[in-house]
Full PDB file with SEQRES, HELIX, SHEET, SSBOND, CRYST1, ORIGX, SCALE, CONECT and MASTER records, all heavy atoms in Angstrom:
SEQRES   1 A   38  MET LEU PRO ALA GLN GLN ALA PRO THR ARG SER VAL THR          
SEQRES   2 A   38  LEU ALA ALA GLY PRO MET SER PHE ASP ALA SER GLY THR          
SEQRES   3 A   38  GLY THR ALA THR VAL VAL ALA LEU SER ALA VAL GLN              
SHEET    1 AA1 2 SER A  11  ASP A  22  0                                        
SHEET    2 AA1 2 THR A  26  VAL A  37 -1                                        
CRYST1    1.000    1.000    1.000  90.00  90.00  90.00 P 1           1          
ORIGX1      1.000000  0.000000  0.000000        0.00000                         
ORIGX2      0.000000  1.000000  0.000000        0.00000                         
ORIGX3      0.000000  0.000000  1.000000        0.00000                         
SCALE1      1.000000  0.000000  0.000000        0.00000                         
SCALE2      0.000000  1.000000  0.000000        0.00000                         
SCALE3      0.000000  0.000000  1.000000        0.00000                         
ATOM      1  N   MET A   1       0.810  -1.207   0.008  1.00  0.00           N  
ATOM      2  CA  MET A   1       0.000   0.000  -0.002  1.00  0.00           C  
ATOM      3  C   MET A   1       0.854   1.263  -0.001  1.00  0.00           C  
ATOM      4  O   MET A   1       0.359   2.353  -0.189  1.00  0.00           O  
ATOM      5  CB  MET A   1      -0.926   0.014   1.223  1.00  0.00           C  
ATOM      6  CG  MET A   1      -1.968  -1.081   1.194  1.00  0.00           C  
ATOM      7  SD  MET A   1      -3.110  -0.982   2.574  1.00  0.00           S  
ATOM      8  CE  MET A   1      -2.130  -1.714   3.867  1.00  0.00           C  
ATOM      9  N   LEU A   2       2.156   1.125   0.235  1.00  0.00           N  
ATOM     10  CA  LEU A   2       3.049   2.260   0.272  1.00  0.00           C  
ATOM     11  C   LEU A   2       3.401   2.716  -1.139  1.00  0.00           C  
ATOM     12  O   LEU A   2       3.263   1.947  -2.088  1.00  0.00           O  
ATOM     13  CB  LEU A   2       4.317   1.882   1.028  1.00  0.00           C  
ATOM     14  CG  LEU A   2       4.121   1.471   2.482  1.00  0.00           C  
ATOM     15  CD1 LEU A   2       5.430   0.962   3.063  1.00  0.00           C  
ATOM     16  CD2 LEU A   2       3.587   2.610   3.301  1.00  0.00           C  
ATOM     17  N   PRO A   3       3.872   3.961  -1.302  1.00  0.00           N  
ATOM     18  CA  PRO A   3       4.291   4.404  -2.630  1.00  0.00           C  
ATOM     19  C   PRO A   3       5.312   3.454  -3.221  1.00  0.00           C  
ATOM     20  O   PRO A   3       6.233   3.010  -2.541  1.00  0.00           O  
ATOM     21  CB  PRO A   3       4.898   5.786  -2.373  1.00  0.00           C  
ATOM     22  CG  PRO A   3       4.313   6.229  -1.078  1.00  0.00           C  
ATOM     23  CD  PRO A   3       4.032   4.986  -0.297  1.00  0.00           C  
ATOM     24  N   ALA A   4       5.165   3.157  -4.516  1.00  0.00           N  
ATOM     25  CA  ALA A   4       6.002   2.141  -5.162  1.00  0.00           C  
ATOM     26  C   ALA A   4       7.443   2.600  -5.354  1.00  0.00           C  
ATOM     27  O   ALA A   4       8.351   1.809  -5.215  1.00  0.00           O  
ATOM     28  CB  ALA A   4       5.405   1.740  -6.512  1.00  0.00           C  
ATOM     29  N   GLN A   5       7.677   3.836  -5.687  1.00  0.00           N  
ATOM     30  CA  GLN A   5       9.028   4.307  -5.974  1.00  0.00           C  
ATOM     31  C   GLN A   5       9.401   5.457  -5.054  1.00  0.00           C  
ATOM     32  O   GLN A   5       8.752   6.486  -5.043  1.00  0.00           O  
ATOM     33  CB  GLN A   5       9.128   4.783  -7.438  1.00  0.00           C  
ATOM     34  CG  GLN A   5       8.877   3.702  -8.451  1.00  0.00           C  
ATOM     35  CD  GLN A   5      10.004   2.719  -8.524  1.00  0.00           C  
ATOM     36  OE1 GLN A   5      11.148   3.083  -8.371  1.00  0.00           O  
ATOM     37  NE2 GLN A   5       9.696   1.464  -8.764  1.00  0.00           N  
ATOM     38  N   GLN A   6      10.413   5.274  -4.267  1.00  0.00           N  
ATOM     39  CA  GLN A   6      10.973   6.331  -3.421  1.00  0.00           C  
ATOM     40  C   GLN A   6      12.491   6.282  -3.601  1.00  0.00           C  
ATOM     41  O   GLN A   6      13.026   5.271  -4.016  1.00  0.00           O  
ATOM     42  CB  GLN A   6      10.591   6.112  -1.961  1.00  0.00           C  
ATOM     43  CG  GLN A   6       9.116   6.228  -1.735  1.00  0.00           C  
ATOM     44  CD  GLN A   6       8.760   6.067  -0.257  1.00  0.00           C  
ATOM     45  OE1 GLN A   6       9.627   6.047   0.594  1.00  0.00           O  
ATOM     46  NE2 GLN A   6       7.485   5.970   0.022  1.00  0.00           N  
ATOM     47  N   ALA A   7      13.133   7.380  -3.264  1.00  0.00           N  
ATOM     48  CA  ALA A   7      14.587   7.430  -3.451  1.00  0.00           C  
ATOM     49  C   ALA A   7      15.277   6.408  -2.555  1.00  0.00           C  
ATOM     50  O   ALA A   7      15.038   6.351  -1.356  1.00  0.00           O  
ATOM     51  CB  ALA A   7      15.089   8.830  -3.106  1.00  0.00           C  
ATOM     52  N   PRO A   8      16.147   5.574  -3.158  1.00  0.00           N  
ATOM     53  CA  PRO A   8      16.918   4.612  -2.352  1.00  0.00           C  
ATOM     54  C   PRO A   8      17.877   5.346  -1.415  1.00  0.00           C  
ATOM     55  O   PRO A   8      18.323   6.448  -1.715  1.00  0.00           O  
ATOM     56  CB  PRO A   8      17.672   3.789  -3.372  1.00  0.00           C  
ATOM     57  CG  PRO A   8      17.069   4.101  -4.684  1.00  0.00           C  
ATOM     58  CD  PRO A   8      16.415   5.431  -4.577  1.00  0.00           C  
ATOM     59  N   THR A   9      18.211   4.720  -0.316  1.00  0.00           N  
ATOM     60  CA  THR A   9      19.200   5.274   0.598  1.00  0.00           C  
ATOM     61  C   THR A   9      20.320   4.272   0.779  1.00  0.00           C  
ATOM     62  O   THR A   9      20.140   3.069   0.591  1.00  0.00           O  
ATOM     63  CB  THR A   9      18.601   5.612   1.969  1.00  0.00           C  
ATOM     64  OG1 THR A   9      18.045   4.427   2.535  1.00  0.00           O  
ATOM     65  CG2 THR A   9      17.516   6.665   1.860  1.00  0.00           C  
ATOM     66  N   ARG A  10      21.477   4.783   1.174  1.00  0.00           N  
ATOM     67  CA  ARG A  10      22.640   3.948   1.476  1.00  0.00           C  
ATOM     68  C   ARG A  10      23.110   4.321   2.877  1.00  0.00           C  
ATOM     69  O   ARG A  10      23.017   5.475   3.279  1.00  0.00           O  
ATOM     70  CB  ARG A  10      23.772   4.234   0.489  1.00  0.00           C  
ATOM     71  CG  ARG A  10      23.477   3.852  -0.909  1.00  0.00           C  
ATOM     72  CD  ARG A  10      24.704   4.130  -1.797  1.00  0.00           C  
ATOM     73  NE  ARG A  10      24.333   3.914  -3.175  1.00  0.00           N  
ATOM     74  CZ  ARG A  10      24.134   4.869  -4.054  1.00  0.00           C  
ATOM     75  NH1 ARG A  10      24.296   6.113  -3.722  1.00  0.00           N  
ATOM     76  NH2 ARG A  10      23.800   4.577  -5.288  1.00  0.00           N  
ATOM     77  N   SER A  11      23.644   3.335   3.566  1.00  0.00           N  
ATOM     78  CA  SER A  11      24.237   3.614   4.858  1.00  0.00           C  
ATOM     79  C   SER A  11      25.420   2.689   5.094  1.00  0.00           C  
ATOM     80  O   SER A  11      25.511   1.599   4.520  1.00  0.00           O  
ATOM     81  CB  SER A  11      23.204   3.463   5.985  1.00  0.00           C  
ATOM     82  OG  SER A  11      22.771   2.122   6.091  1.00  0.00           O  
ATOM     83  N   VAL A  12      26.321   3.149   5.948  1.00  0.00           N  
ATOM     84  CA  VAL A  12      27.466   2.366   6.380  1.00  0.00           C  
ATOM     85  C   VAL A  12      27.428   2.343   7.917  1.00  0.00           C  
ATOM     86  O   VAL A  12      27.170   3.363   8.533  1.00  0.00           O  
ATOM     87  CB  VAL A  12      28.784   3.004   5.891  1.00  0.00           C  
ATOM     88  CG1 VAL A  12      29.981   2.265   6.450  1.00  0.00           C  
ATOM     89  CG2 VAL A  12      28.831   3.025   4.375  1.00  0.00           C  
ATOM     90  N   THR A  13      27.644   1.152   8.492  1.00  0.00           N  
ATOM     91  CA  THR A  13      27.580   0.990   9.941  1.00  0.00           C  
ATOM     92  C   THR A  13      28.840   0.311  10.461  1.00  0.00           C  
ATOM     93  O   THR A  13      29.286  -0.683   9.886  1.00  0.00           O  
ATOM     94  CB  THR A  13      26.351   0.146  10.324  1.00  0.00           C  
ATOM     95  OG1 THR A  13      25.171   0.768   9.833  1.00  0.00           O  
ATOM     96  CG2 THR A  13      26.253  -0.025  11.831  1.00  0.00           C  
ATOM     97  N   LEU A  14      29.373   0.836  11.542  1.00  0.00           N  
ATOM     98  CA  LEU A  14      30.444   0.187  12.281  1.00  0.00           C  
ATOM     99  C   LEU A  14      29.827  -0.277  13.594  1.00  0.00           C  
ATOM    100  O   LEU A  14      29.257   0.525  14.336  1.00  0.00           O  
ATOM    101  CB  LEU A  14      31.607   1.155  12.549  1.00  0.00           C  
ATOM    102  CG  LEU A  14      32.784   0.575  13.322  1.00  0.00           C  
ATOM    103  CD1 LEU A  14      33.416  -0.595  12.566  1.00  0.00           C  
ATOM    104  CD2 LEU A  14      33.809   1.654  13.628  1.00  0.00           C  
ATOM    105  N   ALA A  15      29.891  -1.589  13.841  1.00  0.00           N  
ATOM    106  CA  ALA A  15      29.215  -2.170  15.002  1.00  0.00           C  
ATOM    107  C   ALA A  15      30.143  -3.123  15.751  1.00  0.00           C  
ATOM    108  O   ALA A  15      31.085  -3.679  15.174  1.00  0.00           O  
ATOM    109  CB  ALA A  15      27.971  -2.914  14.556  1.00  0.00           C  
ATOM    110  N   ALA A  16      29.841  -3.371  16.995  1.00  0.00           N  
ATOM    111  CA  ALA A  16      30.589  -4.319  17.813  1.00  0.00           C  
ATOM    112  C   ALA A  16      29.668  -4.884  18.891  1.00  0.00           C  
ATOM    113  O   ALA A  16      28.667  -4.261  19.239  1.00  0.00           O  
ATOM    114  CB  ALA A  16      31.805  -3.657  18.469  1.00  0.00           C  
ATOM    115  N   GLY A  17      30.033  -6.068  19.387  1.00  0.00           N  
ATOM    116  CA  GLY A  17      29.254  -6.663  20.454  1.00  0.00           C  
ATOM    117  C   GLY A  17      29.703  -8.071  20.749  1.00  0.00           C  
ATOM    118  O   GLY A  17      30.664  -8.583  20.152  1.00  0.00           O  
ATOM    119  N   PRO A  18      29.011  -8.741  21.663  1.00  0.00           N  
ATOM    120  CA  PRO A  18      29.392 -10.102  22.022  1.00  0.00           C  
ATOM    121  C   PRO A  18      28.904 -11.133  21.018  1.00  0.00           C  
ATOM    122  O   PRO A  18      27.845 -10.998  20.415  1.00  0.00           O  
ATOM    123  CB  PRO A  18      28.691 -10.304  23.385  1.00  0.00           C  
ATOM    124  CG  PRO A  18      27.498  -9.419  23.315  1.00  0.00           C  
ATOM    125  CD  PRO A  18      27.919  -8.230  22.495  1.00  0.00           C  
ATOM    126  N   MET A  19      29.724 -12.155  20.821  1.00  0.00           N  
ATOM    127  CA  MET A  19      29.394 -13.294  19.951  1.00  0.00           C  
ATOM    128  C   MET A  19      29.561 -14.554  20.790  1.00  0.00           C  
ATOM    129  O   MET A  19      30.635 -14.797  21.336  1.00  0.00           O  
ATOM    130  CB  MET A  19      30.310 -13.341  18.741  1.00  0.00           C  
ATOM    131  CG  MET A  19      30.221 -14.666  17.965  1.00  0.00           C  
ATOM    132  SD  MET A  19      31.641 -14.936  16.871  1.00  0.00           S  
ATOM    133  CE  MET A  19      31.042 -14.169  15.389  1.00  0.00           C  
ATOM    134  N   SER A  20      28.503 -15.345  20.904  1.00  0.00           N  
ATOM    135  CA  SER A  20      28.613 -16.675  21.510  1.00  0.00           C  
ATOM    136  C   SER A  20      28.885 -17.643  20.374  1.00  0.00           C  
ATOM    137  O   SER A  20      28.228 -17.569  19.340  1.00  0.00           O  
ATOM    138  CB  SER A  20      27.326 -17.060  22.215  1.00  0.00           C  
ATOM    139  OG  SER A  20      27.104 -16.203  23.292  1.00  0.00           O  
ATOM    140  N   PHE A  21      29.845 -18.540  20.550  1.00  0.00           N  
ATOM    141  CA  PHE A  21      30.193 -19.438  19.461  1.00  0.00           C  
ATOM    142  C   PHE A  21      30.293 -20.868  19.962  1.00  0.00           C  
ATOM    143  O   PHE A  21      30.528 -21.131  21.138  1.00  0.00           O  
ATOM    144  CB  PHE A  21      31.500 -19.012  18.791  1.00  0.00           C  
ATOM    145  CG  PHE A  21      32.701 -19.087  19.699  1.00  0.00           C  
ATOM    146  CD1 PHE A  21      33.435 -20.257  19.813  1.00  0.00           C  
ATOM    147  CD2 PHE A  21      33.087 -17.996  20.448  1.00  0.00           C  
ATOM    148  CE1 PHE A  21      34.535 -20.318  20.653  1.00  0.00           C  
ATOM    149  CE2 PHE A  21      34.178 -18.051  21.290  1.00  0.00           C  
ATOM    150  CZ  PHE A  21      34.919 -19.223  21.391  1.00  0.00           C  
ATOM    151  N   ASP A  22      30.081 -21.779  19.032  1.00  0.00           N  
ATOM    152  CA  ASP A  22      30.300 -23.199  19.246  1.00  0.00           C  
ATOM    153  C   ASP A  22      31.121 -23.680  18.067  1.00  0.00           C  
ATOM    154  O   ASP A  22      30.580 -23.988  16.998  1.00  0.00           O  
ATOM    155  CB  ASP A  22      28.959 -23.942  19.343  1.00  0.00           C  
ATOM    156  CG  ASP A  22      29.143 -25.422  19.684  1.00  0.00           C  
ATOM    157  OD1 ASP A  22      30.290 -25.867  19.834  1.00  0.00           O  
ATOM    158  OD2 ASP A  22      28.122 -26.111  19.788  1.00  0.00           O  
ATOM    159  N   ALA A  23      32.431 -23.659  18.215  1.00  0.00           N  
ATOM    160  CA  ALA A  23      33.332 -24.115  17.155  1.00  0.00           C  
ATOM    161  C   ALA A  23      34.088 -25.308  17.733  1.00  0.00           C  
ATOM    162  O   ALA A  23      33.460 -26.264  18.142  1.00  0.00           O  
ATOM    163  CB  ALA A  23      34.255 -22.968  16.720  1.00  0.00           C  
ATOM    164  N   SER A  24      35.408 -25.256  17.824  1.00  0.00           N  
ATOM    165  CA  SER A  24      36.160 -26.328  18.504  1.00  0.00           C  
ATOM    166  C   SER A  24      36.234 -25.917  19.979  1.00  0.00           C  
ATOM    167  O   SER A  24      37.292 -25.630  20.508  1.00  0.00           O  
ATOM    168  CB  SER A  24      37.544 -26.481  17.911  1.00  0.00           C  
ATOM    169  OG  SER A  24      37.448 -26.983  16.601  1.00  0.00           O  
ATOM    170  N   GLY A  25      35.111 -25.851  20.607  1.00  0.00           N  
ATOM    171  CA  GLY A  25      34.947 -25.341  21.950  1.00  0.00           C  
ATOM    172  C   GLY A  25      33.896 -24.256  21.923  1.00  0.00           C  
ATOM    173  O   GLY A  25      33.495 -23.787  20.852  1.00  0.00           O  
ATOM    174  N   THR A  26      33.394 -23.893  23.079  1.00  0.00           N  
ATOM    175  CA  THR A  26      32.350 -22.882  23.160  1.00  0.00           C  
ATOM    176  C   THR A  26      32.870 -21.698  23.956  1.00  0.00           C  
ATOM    177  O   THR A  26      33.808 -21.825  24.742  1.00  0.00           O  
ATOM    178  CB  THR A  26      31.089 -23.429  23.842  1.00  0.00           C  
ATOM    179  OG1 THR A  26      31.435 -23.878  25.155  1.00  0.00           O  
ATOM    180  CG2 THR A  26      30.486 -24.563  23.045  1.00  0.00           C  
ATOM    181  N   GLY A  27      32.276 -20.568  23.759  1.00  0.00           N  
ATOM    182  CA  GLY A  27      32.682 -19.397  24.512  1.00  0.00           C  
ATOM    183  C   GLY A  27      32.047 -18.149  23.969  1.00  0.00           C  
ATOM    184  O   GLY A  27      31.116 -18.186  23.172  1.00  0.00           O  
ATOM    185  N   THR A  28      32.587 -17.032  24.409  1.00  0.00           N  
ATOM    186  CA  THR A  28      32.118 -15.721  23.962  1.00  0.00           C  
ATOM    187  C   THR A  28      33.323 -14.935  23.478  1.00  0.00           C  
ATOM    188  O   THR A  28      34.372 -14.949  24.117  1.00  0.00           O  
ATOM    189  CB  THR A  28      31.409 -14.960  25.120  1.00  0.00           C  
ATOM    190  OG1 THR A  28      30.349 -15.771  25.592  1.00  0.00           O  
ATOM    191  CG2 THR A  28      30.848 -13.642  24.634  1.00  0.00           C  
ATOM    192  N   ALA A  29      33.138 -14.232  22.394  1.00  0.00           N  
ATOM    193  CA  ALA A  29      34.191 -13.390  21.820  1.00  0.00           C  
ATOM    194  C   ALA A  29      33.554 -12.044  21.485  1.00  0.00           C  
ATOM    195  O   ALA A  29      32.337 -11.882  21.491  1.00  0.00           O  
ATOM    196  CB  ALA A  29      34.774 -14.027  20.566  1.00  0.00           C  
ATOM    197  N   THR A  30      34.395 -11.084  21.168  1.00  0.00           N  
ATOM    198  CA  THR A  30      33.908  -9.789  20.670  1.00  0.00           C  
ATOM    199  C   THR A  30      33.973  -9.815  19.151  1.00  0.00           C  
ATOM    200  O   THR A  30      34.985 -10.210  18.584  1.00  0.00           O  
ATOM    201  CB  THR A  30      34.767  -8.641  21.220  1.00  0.00           C  
ATOM    202  OG1 THR A  30      34.666  -8.642  22.639  1.00  0.00           O  
ATOM    203  CG2 THR A  30      34.293  -7.306  20.683  1.00  0.00           C  
ATOM    204  N   VAL A  31      32.892  -9.410  18.513  1.00  0.00           N  
ATOM    205  CA  VAL A  31      32.859  -9.316  17.060  1.00  0.00           C  
ATOM    206  C   VAL A  31      32.796  -7.836  16.695  1.00  0.00           C  
ATOM    207  O   VAL A  31      32.124  -7.044  17.347  1.00  0.00           O  
ATOM    208  CB  VAL A  31      31.665 -10.110  16.463  1.00  0.00           C  
ATOM    209  CG1 VAL A  31      30.340  -9.545  16.906  1.00  0.00           C  
ATOM    210  CG2 VAL A  31      31.745 -10.140  14.947  1.00  0.00           C  
ATOM    211  N   VAL A  32      33.543  -7.460  15.668  1.00  0.00           N  
ATOM    212  CA  VAL A  32      33.537  -6.106  15.120  1.00  0.00           C  
ATOM    213  C   VAL A  32      33.124  -6.244  13.663  1.00  0.00           C  
ATOM    214  O   VAL A  32      33.668  -7.082  12.937  1.00  0.00           O  
ATOM    215  CB  VAL A  32      34.925  -5.438  15.232  1.00  0.00           C  
ATOM    216  CG1 VAL A  32      34.908  -4.064  14.591  1.00  0.00           C  
ATOM    217  CG2 VAL A  32      35.356  -5.368  16.683  1.00  0.00           C  
ATOM    218  N   ALA A  33      32.155  -5.427  13.238  1.00  0.00           N  
ATOM    219  CA  ALA A  33      31.606  -5.559  11.892  1.00  0.00           C  
ATOM    220  C   ALA A  33      31.484  -4.203  11.204  1.00  0.00           C  
ATOM    221  O   ALA A  33      31.147  -3.205  11.839  1.00  0.00           O  
ATOM    222  CB  ALA A  33      30.244  -6.243  11.945  1.00  0.00           C  
ATOM    223  N   LEU A  34      31.723  -4.204   9.909  1.00  0.00           N  
ATOM    224  CA  LEU A  34      31.511  -3.049   9.049  1.00  0.00           C  
ATOM    225  C   LEU A  34      30.529  -3.489   7.978  1.00  0.00           C  
ATOM    226  O   LEU A  34      30.774  -4.480   7.270  1.00  0.00           O  
ATOM    227  CB  LEU A  34      32.825  -2.583   8.422  1.00  0.00           C  
ATOM    228  CG  LEU A  34      32.733  -1.376   7.502  1.00  0.00           C  
ATOM    229  CD1 LEU A  34      32.290  -0.133   8.280  1.00  0.00           C  
ATOM    230  CD2 LEU A  34      34.074  -1.129   6.820  1.00  0.00           C  
ATOM    231  N   SER A  35      29.407  -2.781   7.871  1.00  0.00           N  
ATOM    232  CA  SER A  35      28.395  -3.180   6.901  1.00  0.00           C  
ATOM    233  C   SER A  35      27.946  -1.993   6.072  1.00  0.00           C  
ATOM    234  O   SER A  35      28.042  -0.837   6.484  1.00  0.00           O  
ATOM    235  CB  SER A  35      27.187  -3.818   7.599  1.00  0.00           C  
ATOM    236  OG  SER A  35      26.559  -2.877   8.425  1.00  0.00           O  
ATOM    237  N   ALA A  36      27.484  -2.322   4.874  1.00  0.00           N  
ATOM    238  CA  ALA A  36      26.906  -1.334   3.965  1.00  0.00           C  
ATOM    239  C   ALA A  36      25.522  -1.821   3.579  1.00  0.00           C  
ATOM    240  O   ALA A  36      25.352  -2.998   3.232  1.00  0.00           O  
ATOM    241  CB  ALA A  36      27.785  -1.160   2.740  1.00  0.00           C  
ATOM    242  N   VAL A  37      24.535  -0.917   3.612  1.00  0.00           N  
ATOM    243  CA  VAL A  37      23.157  -1.252   3.299  1.00  0.00           C  
ATOM    244  C   VAL A  37      22.692  -0.354   2.153  1.00  0.00           C  
ATOM    245  O   VAL A  37      22.902   0.852   2.187  1.00  0.00           O  
ATOM    246  CB  VAL A  37      22.220  -1.098   4.519  1.00  0.00           C  
ATOM    247  CG1 VAL A  37      20.771  -1.300   4.113  1.00  0.00           C  
ATOM    248  CG2 VAL A  37      22.616  -2.082   5.604  1.00  0.00           C  
ATOM    249  N   GLN A  38      22.061  -0.962   1.168  1.00  0.00           N  
ATOM    250  CA  GLN A  38      21.442  -0.244   0.064  1.00  0.00           C  
ATOM    251  C   GLN A  38      19.960  -0.558   0.073  1.00  0.00           C  
ATOM    252  O   GLN A  38      19.563  -1.707  -0.081  1.00  0.00           O  
ATOM    253  CB  GLN A  38      22.047  -0.692  -1.272  1.00  0.00           C  
ATOM    254  CG  GLN A  38      21.314  -0.188  -2.505  1.00  0.00           C  
ATOM    255  CD  GLN A  38      21.513   1.293  -2.722  1.00  0.00           C  
ATOM    256  OE1 GLN A  38      22.640   1.777  -2.791  1.00  0.00           O  
ATOM    257  NE2 GLN A  38      20.424   2.035  -2.842  1.00  0.00           N  
TER     258      GLN A  38                                                      
MASTER        0    0    0    0    2    0    0    6  257    1    0    3          
END                                                                             
């Protein structure tokens, strides 16, 4: 129901936080991520 065509936006994000993992052992690590969204 929203307008069909609107101007696209782009963003870049720098994020960090805890990561729980189950690899060759389990634990928590800090993950740092850089993402781009279109």
